[in-house]
Amino acid sequence: MEERDFFEERPEQRKHMMTCPYCREQNEYEVSWLVRRKRAQLPRGADERDRARFAKAQSYMVRRDDMMGCKNIRCRKRFEVAGIQSVAFL
C-alpha cells in the first residue's frame, strides 16, 4: 500500500506576509499548499506493516509555490519564497 492511500489531498491557499528582496516592500501573498489530511480509517486490504505505518502517519501540508511575483507596480520582479517552510505538520 502506498503512503497517499492513507491521506486525503486537496489544494489550499494561505496568506503570508513576505518582503520583496529587490524593492524591500512588504505585502501579503497567497501561497498555494497541498494539504494531506490523515483518513479516519485504514483502507481495506492493509497488512500489519501498513497498520503500523498508518498509526505513525500525521496530517501535513506541502508548499507548491517556489516563486512569487512582487506586487509593487514599479518592481514586479519574481523572487524565491525563502522564509516559509516547504513542509508543515498540522
Protein backbone atom coordinates (compact mmCIF):
# COMPACT_ATOMS: atom_id res chain seq x y z
CA MET A 1 0.00 0.00 0.00
CA GLU A 2 1.29 3.48 -0.86
CA GLU A 3 1.53 6.43 1.53
CA ARG A 4 -1.02 8.52 -0.39
CA ASP A 5 -3.66 5.84 0.30
CA PHE A 6 -3.54 6.97 3.96
CA PHE A 7 -4.34 10.64 3.17
CA GLU A 8 -6.96 12.83 1.54
CA GLU A 9 -5.35 15.53 -0.61
CA ARG A 10 -6.70 18.91 -1.56
CA PRO A 11 -5.16 22.23 -2.64
CA GLU A 12 -5.48 25.25 -0.38
CA GLN A 13 -4.45 28.93 -0.45
CA ARG A 14 -2.96 30.61 2.62
CA LYS A 15 -1.86 34.22 3.07
CA HIS A 16 1.66 35.07 4.24
CA MET A 17 3.47 38.36 4.76
CA MET A 18 6.64 38.48 2.64
CA THR A 19 9.17 41.12 1.69
CA CYS A 20 10.46 41.52 -1.86
CA PRO A 21 14.29 41.31 -1.76
CA TYR A 22 14.59 43.83 -4.64
CA CYS A 23 12.34 46.74 -3.62
CA ARG A 24 12.08 45.83 0.12
CA GLU A 25 8.30 46.33 0.09
CA GLN A 26 6.28 44.07 2.38
CA ASN A 27 2.97 42.66 1.12
CA GLU A 28 0.55 39.85 1.75
CA TYR A 29 0.87 37.00 -0.77
CA GLU A 30 -1.32 33.93 -1.30
CA VAL A 31 0.80 30.79 -1.27
CA SER A 32 -0.70 27.55 -2.54
CA TRP A 33 -0.33 24.43 -0.40
CA LEU A 34 -1.24 20.78 -0.90
CA VAL A 35 -2.94 19.69 2.34
CA ARG A 36 -2.78 15.99 3.17
CA ARG A 37 -5.12 15.02 5.99
CA LYS A 38 -4.97 11.57 7.53
CA ARG A 39 -8.04 9.45 6.79
CA ALA A 40 -10.29 8.40 9.66
CA GLN A 41 -9.88 4.70 8.91
CA LEU A 42 -7.26 2.49 7.35
CA PRO A 43 -8.15 1.47 3.76
CA ARG A 44 -9.16 -2.13 3.11
CA GLY A 45 -6.56 -4.74 2.24
CA ALA A 46 -3.92 -3.50 4.67
CA ASP A 47 -1.48 -5.87 6.37
CA GLU A 48 0.36 -5.47 9.70
CA ARG A 49 3.14 -3.36 8.20
CA ASP A 50 0.58 -0.97 6.70
CA ARG A 51 -1.25 -0.72 10.04
CA ALA A 52 1.98 0.30 11.76
CA ARG A 53 2.71 2.96 9.10
CA PHE A 54 -0.87 4.27 9.34
CA ALA A 55 -0.60 4.60 13.14
CA LYS A 56 2.54 6.77 12.77
CA ALA A 57 1.17 8.92 9.93
CA GLN A 58 0.36 12.61 10.61
CA SER A 59 -1.52 15.24 8.63
CA TYR A 60 0.76 17.72 6.87
CA MET A 61 0.98 20.44 4.20
CA VAL A 62 3.41 20.73 1.28
CA ARG A 63 4.14 24.14 -0.25
CA ARG A 64 3.54 24.17 -4.01
CA ASP A 65 4.81 27.67 -4.87
CA ASP A 66 8.55 28.33 -5.01
CA MET A 67 8.45 31.72 -6.73
CA MET A 68 6.29 34.81 -6.18
CA GLY A 69 5.84 37.95 -8.26
CA CYS A 70 6.26 41.26 -6.43
CA LYS A 71 3.01 43.22 -6.03
CA ASN A 72 4.75 46.59 -6.28
CA ILE A 73 3.81 48.03 -9.70
CA ARG A 74 7.26 49.58 -10.18
CA CYS A 75 9.13 46.34 -9.31
CA ARG A 76 7.12 43.28 -10.48
CA LYS A 77 10.20 41.03 -10.20
CA ARG A 78 9.92 37.37 -9.28
CA PHE A 79 11.57 36.25 -6.05
CA GLU A 80 12.03 32.95 -4.29
CA VAL A 81 9.86 32.05 -1.29
CA ALA A 82 12.57 31.54 1.32
CA GLY A 83 11.04 32.44 4.69
CA ILE A 84 8.31 29.78 4.72
CA GLN A 85 8.88 26.08 5.37
CA SER A 86 8.23 23.71 2.46
CA VAL A 87 6.56 21.08 4.71
CA ALA A 88 4.48 21.85 7.80
CA PHE A 89 2.71 19.40 10.11
CA LEU A 90 -0.86 20.20 11.14
